[in-house]
């Protein structure tokens, strides 16, 4: 069994949501259209890793991994249809790309209130599939200093994590990483490219036994 257990204490809890239920179409309309799917892969070591966060939840092995992730992917697609979140499958990993140009205001790590229902949907699916672990990755464009962008990307990732924890996702299942401007998916020479680079990605990986 993988011995690495990501445990990060949540010192802030961001609880938000809608008073009345919204359809996915309404959520999509509220946050606006997002640029097309970003298909570039990250290069961090976590891309190849699977995490185990506790025996109480259990782990997956063999063919059970693929079918479990298939079901979770299908539910993410159903819950997030029309929301602007891109659901991408990479082997046994599910990636959710959040349109951070409308998730956060410029130079801000405060989640836009009209995006809260979408993150609530993400939390609901995560809570139904507890044999997975999530890595929240923050990315920025190259505007400003590298040090500033690094901290902003981490702050945004932490804001998403805190929102999920505030919606009953076990804090031991979620860890954050900030990449700043180091992993662009488009050119930083144009405004369109910079908007694509300002993003948050959620990677959901199965807990496995070796």
C-alpha atoms as a PDB file:
ATOM      1  CA  UNK A   1       0.000   0.000   0.000  1.00  0.00           C
ATOM      2  CA  UNK A   2       1.199   3.477  -0.793  1.00  0.00           C
ATOM      3  CA  UNK A   3       2.391   4.971   2.514  1.00  0.00           C
ATOM      4  CA  UNK A   4       1.979   8.610   1.481  1.00  0.00           C
ATOM      5  CA  UNK A   5      -1.120  10.049   3.121  1.00  0.00           C
ATOM      6  CA  UNK A   6      -1.815  13.693   2.325  1.00  0.00           C
ATOM      7  CA  UNK A   7      -3.196  15.382   5.447  1.00  0.00           C
ATOM      8  CA  UNK A   8      -3.642  19.151   5.380  1.00  0.00           C
ATOM      9  CA  UNK A   9      -5.544  20.951   8.143  1.00  0.00           C
ATOM     10  CA  UNK A  10      -8.297  23.271   6.980  1.00  0.00           C
ATOM     11  CA  UNK A  11      -8.115  26.474   9.016  1.00  0.00           C
ATOM     12  CA  UNK A  12     -10.753  28.303   7.017  1.00  0.00           C
ATOM     13  CA  UNK A  13     -14.129  27.047   5.851  1.00  0.00           C
ATOM     14  CA  UNK A  14     -15.952  28.743   3.039  1.00  0.00           C
ATOM     15  CA  UNK A  15     -19.632  27.773   3.077  1.00  0.00           C
ATOM     16  CA  UNK A  16     -21.852  29.064   0.312  1.00  0.00           C
ATOM     17  CA  UNK A  17     -24.675  27.991  -1.965  1.00  0.00           C
ATOM     18  CA  UNK A  18     -27.989  28.875  -3.487  1.00  0.00           C
ATOM     19  CA  UNK A  19     -31.223  29.227  -1.538  1.00  0.00           C
ATOM     20  CA  UNK A  20     -33.240  27.691  -4.369  1.00  0.00           C
ATOM     21  CA  UNK A  21     -32.167  24.751  -6.556  1.00  0.00           C
ATOM     22  CA  UNK A  22     -30.741  25.638  -9.947  1.00  0.00           C
ATOM     23  CA  UNK A  23     -30.603  23.532 -13.071  1.00  0.00           C
ATOM     24  CA  UNK A  24     -27.253  22.965 -14.767  1.00  0.00           C
ATOM     25  CA  UNK A  25     -28.390  25.211 -17.617  1.00  0.00           C
ATOM     26  CA  UNK A  26     -29.187  28.012 -15.187  1.00  0.00           C
ATOM     27  CA  UNK A  27     -25.794  27.590 -13.557  1.00  0.00           C
ATOM     28  CA  UNK A  28     -24.120  27.730 -16.944  1.00  0.00           C
ATOM     29  CA  UNK A  29     -26.044  30.880 -17.831  1.00  0.00           C
ATOM     30  CA  UNK A  30     -25.128  32.482 -14.512  1.00  0.00           C
ATOM     31  CA  UNK A  31     -21.406  32.066 -14.972  1.00  0.00           C
ATOM     32  CA  UNK A  32     -21.313  32.590 -18.751  1.00  0.00           C
ATOM     33  CA  UNK A  33     -19.639  30.696 -21.554  1.00  0.00           C
ATOM     34  CA  UNK A  34     -16.111  29.398 -21.043  1.00  0.00           C
ATOM     35  CA  UNK A  35     -13.314  28.873 -23.540  1.00  0.00           C
ATOM     36  CA  UNK A  36     -12.992  25.407 -25.110  1.00  0.00           C
ATOM     37  CA  UNK A  37     -11.489  22.401 -23.386  1.00  0.00           C
ATOM     38  CA  UNK A  38      -7.864  22.629 -22.325  1.00  0.00           C
ATOM     39  CA  UNK A  39      -6.291  19.281 -23.074  1.00  0.00           C
ATOM     40  CA  UNK A  40      -2.675  19.761 -21.961  1.00  0.00           C
ATOM     41  CA  UNK A  41      -1.329  17.422 -19.326  1.00  0.00           C
ATOM     42  CA  UNK A  42       0.491  18.602 -16.233  1.00  0.00           C
ATOM     43  CA  UNK A  43       4.013  17.523 -15.572  1.00  0.00           C
ATOM     44  CA  UNK A  44       4.051  17.234 -11.791  1.00  0.00           C
ATOM     45  CA  UNK A  45       4.995  13.977 -10.111  1.00  0.00           C
ATOM     46  CA  UNK A  46       1.429  13.652  -8.837  1.00  0.00           C
ATOM     47  CA  UNK A  47       0.290  12.931 -12.418  1.00  0.00           C
ATOM     48  CA  UNK A  48       1.686   9.401 -12.016  1.00  0.00           C
ATOM     49  CA  UNK A  49       0.776   8.856  -8.389  1.00  0.00           C
ATOM     50  CA  UNK A  50      -2.187   7.372  -6.600  1.00  0.00           C
ATOM     51  CA  UNK A  51      -2.894   8.323  -3.042  1.00  0.00           C
ATOM     52  CA  UNK A  52      -4.246   6.446  -0.043  1.00  0.00           C
ATOM     53  CA  UNK A  53      -5.639   8.570   2.781  1.00  0.00           C
ATOM     54  CA  UNK A  54      -7.008   6.051   5.242  1.00  0.00           C
ATOM     55  CA  UNK A  55      -8.017   2.454   5.708  1.00  0.00           C
ATOM     56  CA  UNK A  56     -11.438   3.516   6.948  1.00  0.00           C
ATOM     57  CA  UNK A  57     -12.447   4.484   3.440  1.00  0.00           C
ATOM     58  CA  UNK A  58     -10.897   1.502   1.711  1.00  0.00           C
ATOM     59  CA  UNK A  59      -9.025   1.218  -1.545  1.00  0.00           C
ATOM     60  CA  UNK A  60      -9.447  -0.136  -5.045  1.00  0.00           C
ATOM     61  CA  UNK A  61      -7.542  -2.818  -6.906  1.00  0.00           C
ATOM     62  CA  UNK A  62      -7.450  -4.385 -10.344  1.00  0.00           C
ATOM     63  CA  UNK A  63     -10.415  -3.996 -12.677  1.00  0.00           C
ATOM     64  CA  UNK A  64     -12.438  -2.348  -9.919  1.00  0.00           C
ATOM     65  CA  UNK A  65     -10.418   0.850 -10.425  1.00  0.00           C
ATOM     66  CA  UNK A  66     -11.554   1.484 -13.994  1.00  0.00           C
ATOM     67  CA  UNK A  67     -15.220   0.785 -13.408  1.00  0.00           C
ATOM     68  CA  UNK A  68     -15.270   2.913 -10.246  1.00  0.00           C
ATOM     69  CA  UNK A  69     -13.707   5.862 -12.059  1.00  0.00           C
ATOM     70  CA  UNK A  70     -16.048   5.330 -15.034  1.00  0.00           C
ATOM     71  CA  UNK A  71     -19.063   5.743 -12.769  1.00  0.00           C
ATOM     72  CA  UNK A  72     -17.599   8.807 -11.084  1.00  0.00           C
ATOM     73  CA  UNK A  73     -16.732  10.385 -14.445  1.00  0.00           C
ATOM     74  CA  UNK A  74     -20.267   9.784 -15.719  1.00  0.00           C
ATOM     75  CA  UNK A  75     -21.759  11.452 -12.662  1.00  0.00           C
ATOM     76  CA  UNK A  76     -19.418  14.438 -12.937  1.00  0.00           C
ATOM     77  CA  UNK A  77     -20.464  14.892 -16.560  1.00  0.00           C
ATOM     78  CA  UNK A  78     -24.129  14.716 -15.619  1.00  0.00           C
ATOM     79  CA  UNK A  79     -23.854  17.104 -12.666  1.00  0.00           C
ATOM     80  CA  UNK A  80     -21.607  19.618 -14.434  1.00  0.00           C
ATOM     81  CA  UNK A  81     -23.228  19.626 -17.877  1.00  0.00           C
ATOM     82  CA  UNK A  82     -23.662  23.210 -19.052  1.00  0.00           C
ATOM     83  CA  UNK A  83     -21.722  24.638 -16.103  1.00  0.00           C
ATOM     84  CA  UNK A  84     -18.529  25.617 -17.949  1.00  0.00           C
ATOM     85  CA  UNK A  85     -16.394  22.996 -16.162  1.00  0.00           C
ATOM     86  CA  UNK A  86     -14.481  20.693 -18.507  1.00  0.00           C
ATOM     87  CA  UNK A  87     -14.429  16.998 -17.488  1.00  0.00           C
ATOM     88  CA  UNK A  88     -11.389  15.210 -18.953  1.00  0.00           C
ATOM     89  CA  UNK A  89     -10.385  11.565 -18.466  1.00  0.00           C
ATOM     90  CA  UNK A  90      -6.666  10.670 -18.341  1.00  0.00           C
ATOM     91  CA  UNK A  91      -6.380   6.931 -17.760  1.00  0.00           C
ATOM     92  CA  UNK A  92      -7.534   6.315 -14.192  1.00  0.00           C
ATOM     93  CA  UNK A  93      -7.478  10.047 -13.421  1.00  0.00           C
ATOM     94  CA  UNK A  94     -10.368  12.489 -13.851  1.00  0.00           C
ATOM     95  CA  UNK A  95      -9.499  16.141 -14.441  1.00  0.00           C
ATOM     96  CA  UNK A  96     -11.931  18.998 -13.891  1.00  0.00           C
ATOM     97  CA  UNK A  97     -10.849  22.316 -15.388  1.00  0.00           C
ATOM     98  CA  UNK A  98     -12.499  25.320 -13.786  1.00  0.00           C
ATOM     99  CA  UNK A  99     -12.793  28.509 -15.845  1.00  0.00           C
ATOM    100  CA  UNK A 100     -10.910  30.724 -13.399  1.00  0.00           C
ATOM    101  CA  UNK A 101     -11.429  33.846 -15.520  1.00  0.00           C
ATOM    102  CA  UNK A 102     -15.011  33.755 -14.219  1.00  0.00           C
ATOM    103  CA  UNK A 103     -14.372  31.751 -11.043  1.00  0.00           C
ATOM    104  CA  UNK A 104     -12.164  34.522  -9.604  1.00  0.00           C
ATOM    105  CA  UNK A 105     -11.920  38.245 -10.181  1.00  0.00           C
ATOM    106  CA  UNK A 106      -8.591  39.518 -11.507  1.00  0.00           C
ATOM    107  CA  UNK A 107      -5.865  39.342  -8.841  1.00  0.00           C
ATOM    108  CA  UNK A 108      -8.333  37.842  -6.364  1.00  0.00           C
ATOM    109  CA  UNK A 109      -8.537  34.477  -4.595  1.00  0.00           C
ATOM    110  CA  UNK A 110     -12.177  34.975  -3.561  1.00  0.00           C
ATOM    111  CA  UNK A 111     -14.498  32.604  -5.436  1.00  0.00           C
ATOM    112  CA  UNK A 112     -17.199  34.424  -7.388  1.00  0.00           C
ATOM    113  CA  UNK A 113     -20.536  33.826  -5.663  1.00  0.00           C
ATOM    114  CA  UNK A 114     -22.270  32.778  -8.882  1.00  0.00           C
ATOM    115  CA  UNK A 115     -19.830  29.863  -9.202  1.00  0.00           C
ATOM    116  CA  UNK A 116     -20.579  28.432  -5.749  1.00  0.00           C
ATOM    117  CA  UNK A 117     -23.431  26.139  -6.928  1.00  0.00           C
ATOM    118  CA  UNK A 118     -21.062  24.502  -9.417  1.00  0.00           C
ATOM    119  CA  UNK A 119     -18.509  23.729  -6.706  1.00  0.00           C
ATOM    120  CA  UNK A 120     -21.354  22.410  -4.574  1.00  0.00           C
ATOM    121  CA  UNK A 121     -22.074  19.917  -7.357  1.00  0.00           C
ATOM    122  CA  UNK A 122     -18.398  18.873  -7.393  1.00  0.00           C
ATOM    123  CA  UNK A 123     -18.510  18.307  -3.641  1.00  0.00           C
ATOM    124  CA  UNK A 124     -21.695  16.248  -3.914  1.00  0.00           C
ATOM    125  CA  UNK A 125     -20.086  13.837  -6.393  1.00  0.00           C
ATOM    126  CA  UNK A 126     -16.880  13.590  -4.350  1.00  0.00           C
ATOM    127  CA  UNK A 127     -18.898  12.668  -1.277  1.00  0.00           C
ATOM    128  CA  UNK A 128     -20.504   9.790  -3.154  1.00  0.00           C
ATOM    129  CA  UNK A 129     -17.154   8.352  -4.296  1.00  0.00           C
ATOM    130  CA  UNK A 130     -14.995   8.270  -1.197  1.00  0.00           C
ATOM    131  CA  UNK A 131     -12.350   5.902  -2.587  1.00  0.00           C
ATOM    132  CA  UNK A 132     -10.709   8.775  -4.427  1.00  0.00           C
ATOM    133  CA  UNK A 133      -8.376  11.638  -3.519  1.00  0.00           C
ATOM    134  CA  UNK A 134      -8.267  15.118  -5.072  1.00  0.00           C
ATOM    135  CA  UNK A 135      -5.374  17.432  -5.904  1.00  0.00           C
ATOM    136  CA  UNK A 136      -6.391  21.061  -6.471  1.00  0.00           C
ATOM    137  CA  UNK A 137      -3.917  22.853  -8.769  1.00  0.00           C
ATOM    138  CA  UNK A 138      -3.770  26.618  -9.251  1.00  0.00           C
ATOM    139  CA  UNK A 139      -2.265  28.245 -12.367  1.00  0.00           C
ATOM    140  CA  UNK A 140      -1.806  31.863 -13.498  1.00  0.00           C
ATOM    141  CA  UNK A 141      -0.670  33.798 -16.558  1.00  0.00           C
ATOM    142  CA  UNK A 142       2.728  35.507 -16.630  1.00  0.00           C
ATOM    143  CA  UNK A 143       1.494  39.001 -15.711  1.00  0.00           C
ATOM    144  CA  UNK A 144       3.286  40.202 -12.582  1.00  0.00           C
ATOM    145  CA  UNK A 145       6.223  38.649 -10.762  1.00  0.00           C
ATOM    146  CA  UNK A 146       6.779  34.914 -10.589  1.00  0.00           C
ATOM    147  CA  UNK A 147       6.665  35.067  -6.779  1.00  0.00           C
ATOM    148  CA  UNK A 148       3.326  36.889  -6.787  1.00  0.00           C
ATOM    149  CA  UNK A 149       1.821  34.462  -9.306  1.00  0.00           C
ATOM    150  CA  UNK A 150       3.000  31.470  -7.313  1.00  0.00           C
ATOM    151  CA  UNK A 151       1.250  32.707  -4.169  1.00  0.00           C
ATOM    152  CA  UNK A 152      -1.906  33.730  -6.064  1.00  0.00           C
ATOM    153  CA  UNK A 153      -2.176  30.298  -7.671  1.00  0.00           C
ATOM    154  CA  UNK A 154      -1.842  28.593  -4.285  1.00  0.00           C
ATOM    155  CA  UNK A 155      -4.353  30.953  -2.665  1.00  0.00           C
ATOM    156  CA  UNK A 156      -6.893  30.159  -5.372  1.00  0.00           C
ATOM    157  CA  UNK A 157      -6.333  26.428  -4.989  1.00  0.00           C
ATOM    158  CA  UNK A 158      -6.799  26.753  -1.224  1.00  0.00           C
ATOM    159  CA  UNK A 159     -10.026  28.734  -1.730  1.00  0.00           C
ATOM    160  CA  UNK A 160     -11.458  25.898  -3.822  1.00  0.00           C
ATOM    161  CA  UNK A 161     -10.303  23.334  -1.276  1.00  0.00           C
ATOM    162  CA  UNK A 162     -11.872  25.250   1.599  1.00  0.00           C
ATOM    163  CA  UNK A 163     -15.159  25.480  -0.260  1.00  0.00           C
ATOM    164  CA  UNK A 164     -15.202  21.717  -0.835  1.00  0.00           C
ATOM    165  CA  UNK A 165     -14.335  21.019   2.809  1.00  0.00           C
ATOM    166  CA  UNK A 166     -17.125  23.400   3.780  1.00  0.00           C
ATOM    167  CA  UNK A 167     -19.455  21.147   1.811  1.00  0.00           C
ATOM    168  CA  UNK A 168     -18.580  18.041   3.829  1.00  0.00           C
ATOM    169  CA  UNK A 169     -15.664  16.723   1.734  1.00  0.00           C
ATOM    170  CA  UNK A 170     -13.193  15.125   4.166  1.00  0.00           C
ATOM    171  CA  UNK A 171     -10.189  17.447   4.461  1.00  0.00           C
ATOM    172  CA  UNK A 172      -7.832  14.443   4.343  1.00  0.00           C
ATOM    173  CA  UNK A 173      -8.962  13.750   0.782  1.00  0.00           C
ATOM    174  CA  UNK A 174      -7.958  17.137  -0.652  1.00  0.00           C
ATOM    175  CA  UNK A 175      -4.500  18.642  -1.073  1.00  0.00           C
ATOM    176  CA  UNK A 176      -3.445  21.776  -2.951  1.00  0.00           C
ATOM    177  CA  UNK A 177      -0.578  22.798  -5.222  1.00  0.00           C
ATOM    178  CA  UNK A 178       0.276  26.189  -6.739  1.00  0.00           C
ATOM    179  CA  UNK A 179       2.153  26.274 -10.055  1.00  0.00           C
ATOM    180  CA  UNK A 180       2.039  30.000 -10.723  1.00  0.00           C
ATOM    181  CA  UNK A 181       2.943  30.779 -14.328  1.00  0.00           C
ATOM    182  CA  UNK A 182       5.112  27.679 -14.900  1.00  0.00           C
ATOM    183  CA  UNK A 183       2.601  25.479 -16.768  1.00  0.00           C
ATOM    184  CA  UNK A 184       0.883  27.582 -19.449  1.00  0.00           C
ATOM    185  CA  UNK A 185      -1.484  25.877 -21.883  1.00  0.00           C
ATOM    186  CA  UNK A 186      -1.493  28.837 -24.286  1.00  0.00           C
ATOM    187  CA  UNK A 187       0.623  31.864 -25.187  1.00  0.00           C
ATOM    188  CA  UNK A 188       0.873  34.680 -22.673  1.00  0.00           C
ATOM    189  CA  UNK A 189       1.309  37.164 -25.532  1.00  0.00           C
ATOM    190  CA  UNK A 190      -2.452  37.589 -26.071  1.00  0.00           C
ATOM    191  CA  UNK A 191      -5.376  38.278 -23.735  1.00  0.00           C
ATOM    192  CA  UNK A 192      -7.128  35.122 -24.930  1.00  0.00           C
ATOM    193  CA  UNK A 193      -4.065  33.041 -24.108  1.00  0.00           C
ATOM    194  CA  UNK A 194      -3.672  34.647 -20.700  1.00  0.00           C
ATOM    195  CA  UNK A 195      -7.318  33.873 -19.884  1.00  0.00           C
ATOM    196  CA  UNK A 196      -6.721  30.207 -20.722  1.00  0.00           C
ATOM    197  CA  UNK A 197      -3.643  30.115 -18.507  1.00  0.00           C
ATOM    198  CA  UNK A 198      -5.535  31.544 -15.513  1.00  0.00           C
ATOM    199  CA  UNK A 199      -7.168  28.327 -14.380  1.00  0.00           C
ATOM    200  CA  UNK A 200      -7.742  25.882 -11.547  1.00  0.00           C
ATOM    201  CA  UNK A 201      -7.628  22.143 -12.213  1.00  0.00           C
ATOM    202  CA  UNK A 202      -8.967  19.400  -9.973  1.00  0.00           C
ATOM    203  CA  UNK A 203      -7.379  15.971 -10.362  1.00  0.00           C
ATOM    204  CA  UNK A 204      -9.263  13.036  -8.898  1.00  0.00           C
ATOM    205  CA  UNK A 205      -7.219   9.855  -8.474  1.00  0.00           C
ATOM    206  CA  UNK A 206      -8.205   6.457  -7.043  1.00  0.00           C
ATOM    207  CA  UNK A 207      -7.001   5.186  -3.687  1.00  0.00           C
ATOM    208  CA  UNK A 208      -5.257   1.931  -4.550  1.00  0.00           C
ATOM    209  CA  UNK A 209      -3.528  -1.043  -3.017  1.00  0.00           C
ATOM    210  CA  UNK A 210      -0.193  -2.046  -4.519  1.00  0.00           C
END
